[in-house]
Amino acid sequence: PGTQVMSWISLREYTRIVEFLLTRDDVTGPVNMTAPGPVSN
């Protein structure tokens, strides 16, 4: 239908996030690796 929402992340962003998480000892548990701008199909 094209209305389904896709939650995405660019590969370049993903690698940046991983290095960011290593600097934050207070972050633990689940982390959504998605961009803040999900889109429909």
PDB file of all heavy atoms in Angstrom:
ATOM      1  N   PRO A   1       0.803  -1.228   0.000  1.00  0.00           N
ATOM      2  CA  PRO A   1       0.000   0.000   0.000  1.00  0.00           C
ATOM      3  C   PRO A   1       0.832   1.272   0.000  1.00  0.00           C
ATOM      4  O   PRO A   1       0.346   2.345  -0.380  1.00  0.00           O
ATOM      5  CB  PRO A   1      -0.822  -0.123   1.288  1.00  0.00           C
ATOM      6  CG  PRO A   1       0.014  -0.981   2.177  1.00  0.00           C
ATOM      7  CD  PRO A   1       0.668  -1.981   1.260  1.00  0.00           C
ATOM      8  N   GLY A   2       2.082   1.169   0.447  1.00  0.00           N
ATOM      9  CA  GLY A   2       2.946   2.352   0.496  1.00  0.00           C
ATOM     10  C   GLY A   2       2.749   3.188   1.739  1.00  0.00           C
ATOM     11  O   GLY A   2       3.488   4.148   1.971  1.00  0.00           O
ATOM     12  N   THR A   3       1.767   2.851   2.565  1.00  0.00           N
ATOM     13  CA  THR A   3       1.505   3.626   3.776  1.00  0.00           C
ATOM     14  C   THR A   3       2.298   3.124   4.970  1.00  0.00           C
ATOM     15  O   THR A   3       2.368   3.807   5.996  1.00  0.00           O
ATOM     16  CB  THR A   3       0.006   3.580   4.121  1.00  0.00           C
ATOM     17  OG1 THR A   3      -0.404   2.202   4.241  1.00  0.00           O
ATOM     18  CG2 THR A   3      -0.821   4.264   3.038  1.00  0.00           C
ATOM     19  N   GLN A   4       2.881   1.927   4.869  1.00  0.00           N
ATOM     20  CA  GLN A   4       3.616   1.353   6.000  1.00  0.00           C
ATOM     21  C   GLN A   4       4.851   2.194   6.311  1.00  0.00           C
ATOM     22  O   GLN A   4       5.547   2.657   5.417  1.00  0.00           O
ATOM     23  CB  GLN A   4       3.995  -0.108   5.725  1.00  0.00           C
ATOM     24  CG  GLN A   4       4.987  -0.345   4.602  1.00  0.00           C
ATOM     25  CD  GLN A   4       4.335  -0.510   3.239  1.00  0.00           C
ATOM     26  OE1 GLN A   4       3.293   0.073   2.961  1.00  0.00           O
ATOM     27  NE2 GLN A   4       4.967  -1.295   2.372  1.00  0.00           N
ATOM     28  N   VAL A   5       5.101   2.402   7.602  1.00  0.00           N
ATOM     29  CA  VAL A   5       6.193   3.272   8.044  1.00  0.00           C
ATOM     30  C   VAL A   5       7.486   2.483   8.132  1.00  0.00           C
ATOM     31  O   VAL A   5       7.535   1.379   8.694  1.00  0.00           O
ATOM     32  CB  VAL A   5       5.861   3.921   9.406  1.00  0.00           C
ATOM     33  CG1 VAL A   5       7.023   4.792   9.871  1.00  0.00           C
ATOM     34  CG2 VAL A   5       4.591   4.745   9.299  1.00  0.00           C
ATOM     35  N   MET A   6       8.551   3.058   7.587  1.00  0.00           N
ATOM     36  CA  MET A   6       9.878   2.435   7.578  1.00  0.00           C
ATOM     37  C   MET A   6      10.799   3.234   8.501  1.00  0.00           C
ATOM     38  O   MET A   6      10.975   4.437   8.327  1.00  0.00           O
ATOM     39  CB  MET A   6      10.433   2.407   6.156  1.00  0.00           C
ATOM     40  CG  MET A   6       9.522   1.715   5.153  1.00  0.00           C
ATOM     41  SD  MET A   6      10.052   1.922   3.426  1.00  0.00           S
ATOM     42  CE  MET A   6      11.593   0.995   3.443  1.00  0.00           C
ATOM     43  N   SER A   7      11.364   2.571   9.478  1.00  0.00           N
ATOM     44  CA  SER A   7      12.316   3.207  10.392  1.00  0.00           C
ATOM     45  C   SER A   7      13.714   2.825   9.946  1.00  0.00           C
ATOM     46  O   SER A   7      14.061   1.651   9.889  1.00  0.00           O
ATOM     47  CB  SER A   7      12.050   2.748  11.832  1.00  0.00           C
ATOM     48  OG  SER A   7      10.780   3.196  12.262  1.00  0.00           O
ATOM     49  N   TRP A   8      14.527   3.804   9.603  1.00  0.00           N
ATOM     50  CA  TRP A   8      15.781   3.589   8.899  1.00  0.00           C
ATOM     51  C   TRP A   8      16.926   4.289   9.622  1.00  0.00           C
ATOM     52  O   TRP A   8      16.733   5.140  10.481  1.00  0.00           O
ATOM     53  CB  TRP A   8      15.680   4.122   7.468  1.00  0.00           C
ATOM     54  CG  TRP A   8      15.301   5.582   7.455  1.00  0.00           C
ATOM     55  CD1 TRP A   8      14.036   6.108   7.471  1.00  0.00           C
ATOM     56  CD2 TRP A   8      16.198   6.694   7.501  1.00  0.00           C
ATOM     57  NE1 TRP A   8      14.102   7.492   7.514  1.00  0.00           N
ATOM     58  CE2 TRP A   8      15.410   7.877   7.538  1.00  0.00           C
ATOM     59  CE3 TRP A   8      17.590   6.807   7.510  1.00  0.00           C
ATOM     60  CZ2 TRP A   8      15.974   9.150   7.575  1.00  0.00           C
ATOM     61  CZ3 TRP A   8      18.154   8.080   7.560  1.00  0.00           C
ATOM     62  CH2 TRP A   8      17.353   9.237   7.589  1.00  0.00           C
ATOM     63  N   ILE A   9      18.143   3.935   9.203  1.00  0.00           N
ATOM     64  CA  ILE A   9      19.363   4.606   9.693  1.00  0.00           C
ATOM     65  C   ILE A   9      20.411   4.487   8.591  1.00  0.00           C
ATOM     66  O   ILE A   9      20.514   3.445   7.941  1.00  0.00           O
ATOM     67  CB  ILE A   9      19.882   3.969  11.008  1.00  0.00           C
ATOM     68  CG1 ILE A   9      21.015   4.768  11.612  1.00  0.00           C
ATOM     69  CG2 ILE A   9      20.298   2.528  10.800  1.00  0.00           C
ATOM     70  CD1 ILE A   9      20.576   6.022  12.306  1.00  0.00           C
ATOM     71  N   SER A  10      21.159   5.537   8.327  1.00  0.00           N
ATOM     72  CA  SER A  10      22.233   5.423   7.332  1.00  0.00           C
ATOM     73  C   SER A  10      23.415   4.706   7.961  1.00  0.00           C
ATOM     74  O   SER A  10      23.630   4.765   9.175  1.00  0.00           O
ATOM     75  CB  SER A  10      22.661   6.801   6.824  1.00  0.00           C
ATOM     76  OG  SER A  10      23.516   7.443   7.750  1.00  0.00           O
ATOM     77  N   LEU A  11      24.172   3.997   7.139  1.00  0.00           N
ATOM     78  CA  LEU A  11      25.331   3.262   7.660  1.00  0.00           C
ATOM     79  C   LEU A  11      26.345   4.211   8.276  1.00  0.00           C
ATOM     80  O   LEU A  11      26.948   3.902   9.314  1.00  0.00           O
ATOM     81  CB  LEU A  11      25.968   2.445   6.534  1.00  0.00           C
ATOM     82  CG  LEU A  11      27.144   1.556   6.930  1.00  0.00           C
ATOM     83  CD1 LEU A  11      26.740   0.548   8.004  1.00  0.00           C
ATOM     84  CD2 LEU A  11      27.705   0.830   5.709  1.00  0.00           C
ATOM     85  N   ARG A  12      26.544   5.365   7.677  1.00  0.00           N
ATOM     86  CA  ARG A  12      27.500   6.337   8.222  1.00  0.00           C
ATOM     87  C   ARG A  12      27.049   6.806   9.605  1.00  0.00           C
ATOM     88  O   ARG A  12      27.861   6.971  10.518  1.00  0.00           O
ATOM     89  CB  ARG A  12      27.643   7.528   7.281  1.00  0.00           C
ATOM     90  CG  ARG A  12      28.184   7.170   5.908  1.00  0.00           C
ATOM     91  CD  ARG A  12      28.358   8.396   5.035  1.00  0.00           C
ATOM     92  NE  ARG A  12      29.539   9.163   5.415  1.00  0.00           N
ATOM     93  CZ  ARG A  12      29.932  10.274   4.801  1.00  0.00           C
ATOM     94  NH1 ARG A  12      29.211  10.759   3.799  1.00  0.00           N
ATOM     95  NH2 ARG A  12      31.005  10.898   5.176  1.00  0.00           N
ATOM     96  N   GLU A  13      25.749   7.025   9.771  1.00  0.00           N
ATOM     97  CA  GLU A  13      25.223   7.434  11.072  1.00  0.00           C
ATOM     98  C   GLU A  13      25.416   6.324  12.097  1.00  0.00           C
ATOM     99  O   GLU A  13      25.745   6.571  13.262  1.00  0.00           O
ATOM    100  CB  GLU A  13      23.741   7.773  10.957  1.00  0.00           C
ATOM    101  CG  GLU A  13      23.185   8.514  12.162  1.00  0.00           C
ATOM    102  CD  GLU A  13      23.403  10.018  12.058  1.00  0.00           C
ATOM    103  OE1 GLU A  13      22.720  10.670  11.251  1.00  0.00           O
ATOM    104  OE2 GLU A  13      24.268  10.531  12.789  1.00  0.00           O
ATOM    105  N   TYR A  14      25.186   5.101  11.668  1.00  0.00           N
ATOM    106  CA  TYR A  14      25.299   3.956  12.565  1.00  0.00           C
ATOM    107  C   TYR A  14      26.689   3.896  13.204  1.00  0.00           C
ATOM    108  O   TYR A  14      26.818   3.721  14.422  1.00  0.00           O
ATOM    109  CB  TYR A  14      25.016   2.669  11.783  1.00  0.00           C
ATOM    110  CG  TYR A  14      24.754   1.457  12.637  1.00  0.00           C
ATOM    111  CD1 TYR A  14      23.462   0.960  12.775  1.00  0.00           C
ATOM    112  CD2 TYR A  14      25.776   0.788  13.306  1.00  0.00           C
ATOM    113  CE1 TYR A  14      23.201  -0.150  13.562  1.00  0.00           C
ATOM    114  CE2 TYR A  14      25.527  -0.333  14.077  1.00  0.00           C
ATOM    115  CZ  TYR A  14      24.234  -0.793  14.201  1.00  0.00           C
ATOM    116  OH  TYR A  14      23.976  -1.898  14.971  1.00  0.00           O
ATOM    117  N   THR A  15      27.723   4.045  12.402  1.00  0.00           N
ATOM    118  CA  THR A  15      29.081   3.965  12.945  1.00  0.00           C
ATOM    119  C   THR A  15      29.360   5.131  13.893  1.00  0.00           C
ATOM    120  O   THR A  15      30.056   4.959  14.907  1.00  0.00           O
ATOM    121  CB  THR A  15      30.124   3.932  11.821  1.00  0.00           C
ATOM    122  OG1 THR A  15      30.024   5.106  11.007  1.00  0.00           O
ATOM    123  CG2 THR A  15      29.935   2.700  10.939  1.00  0.00           C
ATOM    124  N   ARG A  16      28.819   6.297  13.604  1.00  0.00           N
ATOM    125  CA  ARG A  16      28.978   7.444  14.503  1.00  0.00           C
ATOM    126  C   ARG A  16      28.295   7.186  15.840  1.00  0.00           C
ATOM    127  O   ARG A  16      28.820   7.519  16.908  1.00  0.00           O
ATOM    128  CB  ARG A  16      28.395   8.716  13.879  1.00  0.00           C
ATOM    129  CG  ARG A  16      29.154   9.266  12.689  1.00  0.00           C
ATOM    130  CD  ARG A  16      28.538  10.581  12.210  1.00  0.00           C
ATOM    131  NE  ARG A  16      28.815  11.677  13.155  1.00  0.00           N
ATOM    132  CZ  ARG A  16      27.864  12.401  13.735  1.00  0.00           C
ATOM    133  NH1 ARG A  16      26.583  12.159  13.497  1.00  0.00           N
ATOM    134  NH2 ARG A  16      28.184  13.374  14.552  1.00  0.00           N
ATOM    135  N   ILE A  17      27.099   6.581  15.795  1.00  0.00           N
ATOM    136  CA  ILE A  17      26.357   6.305  17.022  1.00  0.00           C
ATOM    137  C   ILE A  17      27.118   5.330  17.901  1.00  0.00           C
ATOM    138  O   ILE A  17      27.182   5.503  19.128  1.00  0.00           O
ATOM    139  CB  ILE A  17      24.959   5.769  16.691  1.00  0.00           C
ATOM    140  CG1 ILE A  17      24.099   6.868  16.049  1.00  0.00           C
ATOM    141  CG2 ILE A  17      24.273   5.243  17.946  1.00  0.00           C
ATOM    142  CD1 ILE A  17      22.773   6.374  15.512  1.00  0.00           C
ATOM    143  N   VAL A  18      27.681   4.287  17.306  1.00  0.00           N
ATOM    144  CA  VAL A  18      28.438   3.307  18.095  1.00  0.00           C
ATOM    145  C   VAL A  18      29.565   3.995  18.852  1.00  0.00           C
ATOM    146  O   VAL A  18      29.758   3.770  20.057  1.00  0.00           O
ATOM    147  CB  VAL A  18      28.977   2.180  17.192  1.00  0.00           C
ATOM    148  CG1 VAL A  18      30.042   1.367  17.922  1.00  0.00           C
ATOM    149  CG2 VAL A  18      27.827   1.274  16.748  1.00  0.00           C
ATOM    150  N   GLU A  19      30.313   4.847  18.182  1.00  0.00           N
ATOM    151  CA  GLU A  19      31.406   5.529  18.869  1.00  0.00           C
ATOM    152  C   GLU A  19      30.868   6.493  19.927  1.00  0.00           C
ATOM    153  O   GLU A  19      31.487   6.664  20.986  1.00  0.00           O
ATOM    154  CB  GLU A  19      32.300   6.240  17.847  1.00  0.00           C
ATOM    155  CG  GLU A  19      32.972   5.258  16.879  1.00  0.00           C
ATOM    156  CD  GLU A  19      34.288   5.774  16.328  1.00  0.00           C
ATOM    157  OE1 GLU A  19      35.112   6.282  17.112  1.00  0.00           O
ATOM    158  OE2 GLU A  19      34.475   5.661  15.102  1.00  0.00           O
ATOM    159  N   PHE A  20      29.727   7.111  19.691  1.00  0.00           N
ATOM    160  CA  PHE A  20      29.108   7.970  20.700  1.00  0.00           C
ATOM    161  C   PHE A  20      28.732   7.174  21.941  1.00  0.00           C
ATOM    162  O   PHE A  20      28.968   7.610  23.082  1.00  0.00           O
ATOM    163  CB  PHE A  20      27.863   8.636  20.107  1.00  0.00           C
ATOM    164  CG  PHE A  20      27.011   9.356  21.122  1.00  0.00           C
ATOM    165  CD1 PHE A  20      27.344  10.633  21.550  1.00  0.00           C
ATOM    166  CD2 PHE A  20      25.869   8.746  21.640  1.00  0.00           C
ATOM    167  CE1 PHE A  20      26.556  11.296  22.489  1.00  0.00           C
ATOM    168  CE2 PHE A  20      25.079   9.408  22.567  1.00  0.00           C
ATOM    169  CZ  PHE A  20      25.421  10.680  22.997  1.00  0.00           C
ATOM    170  N   LEU A  21      28.141   5.995  21.752  1.00  0.00           N
ATOM    171  CA  LEU A  21      27.711   5.184  22.889  1.00  0.00           C
ATOM    172  C   LEU A  21      28.875   4.788  23.787  1.00  0.00           C
ATOM    173  O   LEU A  21      28.706   4.630  25.001  1.00  0.00           O
ATOM    174  CB  LEU A  21      26.982   3.933  22.387  1.00  0.00           C
ATOM    175  CG  LEU A  21      25.617   4.174  21.737  1.00  0.00           C
ATOM    176  CD1 LEU A  21      25.088   2.890  21.114  1.00  0.00           C
ATOM    177  CD2 LEU A  21      24.622   4.717  22.758  1.00  0.00           C
ATOM    178  N   LEU A  22      30.039   4.657  23.211  1.00  0.00           N
ATOM    179  CA  LEU A  22      31.210   4.283  24.011  1.00  0.00           C
ATOM    180  C   LEU A  22      31.636   5.395  24.949  1.00  0.00           C
ATOM    181  O   LEU A  22      32.347   5.156  25.926  1.00  0.00           O
ATOM    182  CB  LEU A  22      32.367   3.890  23.091  1.00  0.00           C
ATOM    183  CG  LEU A  22      32.093   2.689  22.169  1.00  0.00           C
ATOM    184  CD1 LEU A  22      33.264   2.472  21.231  1.00  0.00           C
ATOM    185  CD2 LEU A  22      31.795   1.440  22.977  1.00  0.00           C
ATOM    186  N   THR A  23      31.197   6.609  24.683  1.00  0.00           N
ATOM    187  CA  THR A  23      31.562   7.748  25.529  1.00  0.00           C
ATOM    188  C   THR A  23      30.544   8.003  26.632  1.00  0.00           C
ATOM    189  O   THR A  23      30.768   8.884  27.471  1.00  0.00           O
ATOM    190  CB  THR A  23      31.689   9.037  24.692  1.00  0.00           C
ATOM    191  OG1 THR A  23      30.378   9.460  24.242  1.00  0.00           O
ATOM    192  CG2 THR A  23      32.586   8.818  23.483  1.00  0.00           C
ATOM    193  N   ARG A  24      29.430   7.258  26.621  1.00  0.00           N
ATOM    194  CA  ARG A  24      28.352   7.518  27.565  1.00  0.00           C
ATOM    195  C   ARG A  24      28.137   6.319  28.475  1.00  0.00           C
ATOM    196  O   ARG A  24      27.384   5.400  28.169  1.00  0.00           O
ATOM    197  CB  ARG A  24      27.060   7.852  26.811  1.00  0.00           C
ATOM    198  CG  ARG A  24      27.101   9.159  26.028  1.00  0.00           C
ATOM    199  CD  ARG A  24      27.337  10.347  26.980  1.00  0.00           C
ATOM    200  NE  ARG A  24      26.280  10.429  27.993  1.00  0.00           N
ATOM    201  CZ  ARG A  24      25.244  11.240  27.908  1.00  0.00           C
ATOM    202  NH1 ARG A  24      25.112  12.048  26.868  1.00  0.00           N
ATOM    203  NH2 ARG A  24      24.334  11.258  28.866  1.00  0.00           N
ATOM    204  N   ASP A  25      28.814   6.320  29.623  1.00  0.00           N
ATOM    205  CA  ASP A  25      28.704   5.210  30.558  1.00  0.00           C
ATOM    206  C   ASP A  25      27.308   5.074  31.151  1.00  0.00           C
ATOM    207  O   ASP A  25      26.972   4.032  31.727  1.00  0.00           O
ATOM    208  CB  ASP A  25      29.715   5.383  31.699  1.00  0.00           C
ATOM    209  CG  ASP A  25      31.151   5.238  31.231  1.00  0.00           C
ATOM    210  OD1 ASP A  25      31.362   4.676  30.140  1.00  0.00           O
ATOM    211  OD2 ASP A  25      32.061   5.692  31.961  1.00  0.00           O
ATOM    212  N   ASP A  26      26.485   6.115  31.036  1.00  0.00           N
ATOM    213  CA  ASP A  26      25.152   6.086  31.616  1.00  0.00           C
ATOM    214  C   ASP A  26      24.120   5.435  30.706  1.00  0.00           C
ATOM    215  O   ASP A  26      22.986   5.192  31.125  1.00  0.00           O
ATOM    216  CB  ASP A  26      24.691   7.511  31.953  1.00  0.00           C
ATOM    217  CG  ASP A  26      24.702   8.427  30.732  1.00  0.00           C
ATOM    218  OD1 ASP A  26      25.634   8.305  29.911  1.00  0.00           O
ATOM    219  OD2 ASP A  26      23.793   9.267  30.603  1.00  0.00           O
ATOM    220  N   VAL A  27      24.484   5.135  29.468  1.00  0.00           N
ATOM    221  CA  VAL A  27      23.540   4.522  28.538  1.00  0.00           C
ATOM    222  C   VAL A  27      23.683   3.008  28.611  1.00  0.00           C
ATOM    223  O   VAL A  27      24.763   2.460  28.409  1.00  0.00           O
ATOM    224  CB  VAL A  27      23.774   5.004  27.092  1.00  0.00           C
ATOM    225  CG1 VAL A  27      22.800   4.304  26.135  1.00  0.00           C
ATOM    226  CG2 VAL A  27      23.608   6.513  27.003  1.00  0.00           C
ATOM    227  N   THR A  28      22.576   2.341  28.889  1.00  0.00           N
ATOM    228  CA  THR A  28      22.583   0.884  28.965  1.00  0.00           C
ATOM    229  C   THR A  28      21.216   0.373  28.540  1.00  0.00           C
ATOM    230  O   THR A  28      20.247   1.139  28.461  1.00  0.00           O
ATOM    231  CB  THR A  28      22.919   0.420  30.397  1.00  0.00           C
ATOM    232  OG1 THR A  28      23.096  -0.998  30.416  1.00  0.00           O
ATOM    233  CG2 THR A  28      21.821   0.807  31.369  1.00  0.00           C
ATOM    234  N   GLY A  29      21.134  -0.921  28.232  1.00  0.00           N
ATOM    235  CA  GLY A  29      19.865  -1.490  27.801  1.00  0.00           C
ATOM    236  C   GLY A  29      19.600  -1.235  26.328  1.00  0.00           C
ATOM    237  O   GLY A  29      20.510  -0.956  25.546  1.00  0.00           O
ATOM    238  N   PRO A  30      18.335  -1.297  25.912  1.00  0.00           N
ATOM    239  CA  PRO A  30      18.017  -1.158  24.482  1.00  0.00           C
ATOM    240  C   PRO A  30      18.206   0.265  23.978  1.00  0.00           C
ATOM    241  O   PRO A  30      17.891   1.237  24.678  1.00  0.00           O
ATOM    242  CB  PRO A  30      16.536  -1.571  24.406  1.00  0.00           C
ATOM    243  CG  PRO A  30      15.997  -1.307  25.774  1.00  0.00           C
ATOM    244  CD  PRO A  30      17.129  -1.593  26.714  1.00  0.00           C
ATOM    245  N   VAL A  31      18.728   0.373  22.764  1.00  0.00           N
ATOM    246  CA  VAL A  31      18.881   1.654  22.074  1.00  0.00           C
ATOM    247  C   VAL A  31      18.352   1.478  20.655  1.00  0.00           C
ATOM    248  O   VAL A  31      18.819   0.599  19.916  1.00  0.00           O
ATOM    249  CB  VAL A  31      20.358   2.108  22.037  1.00  0.00           C
ATOM    250  CG1 VAL A  31      20.526   3.319  21.131  1.00  0.00           C
ATOM    251  CG2 VAL A  31      20.860   2.423  23.441  1.00  0.00           C
ATOM    252  N   ASN A  32      17.381   2.290  20.287  1.00  0.00           N
ATOM    253  CA  ASN A  32      16.849   2.236  18.926  1.00  0.00           C
ATOM    254  C   ASN A  32      17.828   2.899  17.966  1.00  0.00           C
ATOM    255  O   ASN A  32      18.097   4.094  18.054  1.00  0.00           O
ATOM    256  CB  ASN A  32      15.494   2.944  18.845  1.00  0.00           C
ATOM    257  CG  ASN A  32      14.401   2.171  19.552  1.00  0.00           C
ATOM    258  OD1 ASN A  32      14.497   0.944  19.713  1.00  0.00           O
ATOM    259  ND2 ASN A  32      13.358   2.858  19.976  1.00  0.00           N
ATOM    260  N   MET A  33      18.364   2.100  17.053  1.00  0.00           N
ATOM    261  CA  MET A  33      19.310   2.591  16.051  1.00  0.00           C
ATOM    262  C   MET A  33      18.512   2.986  14.809  1.00  0.00           C
ATOM    263  O   MET A  33      18.520   2.319  13.774  1.00  0.00           O
ATOM    264  CB  MET A  33      20.338   1.517  15.737  1.00  0.00           C
ATOM    265  CG  MET A  33      21.142   1.062  16.950  1.00  0.00           C
ATOM    266  SD  MET A  33      22.295   2.316  17.560  1.00  0.00           S
ATOM    267  CE  MET A  33      23.654   2.100  16.415  1.00  0.00           C
ATOM    268  N   THR A  34      17.815   4.113  14.950  1.00  0.00           N
ATOM    269  CA  THR A  34      16.981   4.631  13.875  1.00  0.00           C
ATOM    270  C   THR A  34      17.114   6.146  13.842  1.00  0.00           C
ATOM    271  O   THR A  34      17.394   6.781  14.860  1.00  0.00           O
ATOM    272  CB  THR A  34      15.491   4.281  14.092  1.00  0.00           C
ATOM    273  OG1 THR A  34      15.046   4.826  15.347  1.00  0.00           O
ATOM    274  CG2 THR A  34      15.273   2.776  14.085  1.00  0.00           C
ATOM    275  N   ALA A  35      16.893   6.716  12.684  1.00  0.00           N
ATOM    276  CA  ALA A  35      16.895   8.169  12.548  1.00  0.00           C
ATOM    277  C   ALA A  35      15.578   8.735  13.082  1.00  0.00           C
ATOM    278  O   ALA A  35      14.568   8.015  13.143  1.00  0.00           O
ATOM    279  CB  ALA A  35      17.077   8.560  11.083  1.00  0.00           C
ATOM    280  N   PRO A  36      15.552   9.997  13.471  1.00  0.00           N
ATOM    281  CA  PRO A  36      14.319  10.586  14.000  1.00  0.00           C
ATOM    282  C   PRO A  36      13.281  10.927  12.941  1.00  0.00           C
ATOM    283  O   PRO A  36      12.204  11.410  13.286  1.00  0.00           O
ATOM    284  CB  PRO A  36      14.813  11.853  14.705  1.00  0.00           C
ATOM    285  CG  PRO A  36      16.086  12.204  14.021  1.00  0.00           C
ATOM    286  CD  PRO A  36      16.711  10.903  13.614  1.00  0.00           C
ATOM    287  N   GLY A  37      13.583  10.661  11.653  1.00  0.00           N
ATOM    288  CA  GLY A  37      12.649  10.973  10.578  1.00  0.00           C
ATOM    289  C   GLY A  37      12.181   9.746   9.819  1.00  0.00           C
ATOM    290  O   GLY A  37      12.512   9.583   8.637  1.00  0.00           O
ATOM    291  N   PRO A  38      11.410   8.830  10.456  1.00  0.00           N
ATOM    292  CA  PRO A  38      10.884   7.677   9.714  1.00  0.00           C
ATOM    293  C   PRO A  38       9.952   8.133   8.606  1.00  0.00           C
ATOM    294  O   PRO A  38       9.395   9.237   8.663  1.00  0.00           O
ATOM    295  CB  PRO A  38      10.143   6.871  10.790  1.00  0.00           C
ATOM    296  CG  PRO A  38       9.787   7.871  11.835  1.00  0.00           C
ATOM    297  CD  PRO A  38      10.907   8.869  11.844  1.00  0.00           C
ATOM    298  N   VAL A  39       9.783   7.292   7.598  1.00  0.00           N
ATOM    299  CA  VAL A  39       8.980   7.666   6.428  1.00  0.00           C
ATOM    300  C   VAL A  39       8.063   6.520   6.034  1.00  0.00           C
ATOM    301  O   VAL A  39       8.296   5.356   6.388  1.00  0.00           O
ATOM    302  CB  VAL A  39       9.875   8.033   5.220  1.00  0.00           C
ATOM    303  CG1 VAL A  39      10.709   9.273   5.500  1.00  0.00           C
ATOM    304  CG2 VAL A  39      10.792   6.851   4.837  1.00  0.00           C
ATOM    305  N   SER A  40       7.032   6.837   5.281  1.00  0.00           N
ATOM    306  CA  SER A  40       6.200   5.785   4.685  1.00  0.00           C
ATOM    307  C   SER A  40       6.968   5.172   3.519  1.00  0.00           C
ATOM    308  O   SER A  40       7.912   5.768   2.976  1.00  0.00           O
ATOM    309  CB  SER A  40       4.874   6.356   4.202  1.00  0.00           C
ATOM    310  OG  SER A  40       5.083   7.191   3.071  1.00  0.00           O
ATOM    311  N   ASN A  41       6.525   4.000   3.110  1.00  0.00           N
ATOM    312  CA  ASN A  41       7.177   3.371   1.957  1.00  0.00           C
ATOM    313  C   ASN A  41       7.012   4.214   0.705  1.00  0.00           C
ATOM    314  O   ASN A  41       7.929   4.288  -0.129  1.00  0.00           O
ATOM    315  CB  ASN A  41       6.626   1.965   1.734  1.00  0.00           C
ATOM    316  CG  ASN A  41       7.215   1.295   0.519  1.00  0.00           C
ATOM    317  OD1 ASN A  41       6.594   1.238  -0.538  1.00  0.00           O
ATOM    318  ND2 ASN A  41       8.438   0.802   0.656  1.00  0.00           N
TER     319      ASN A  41
END
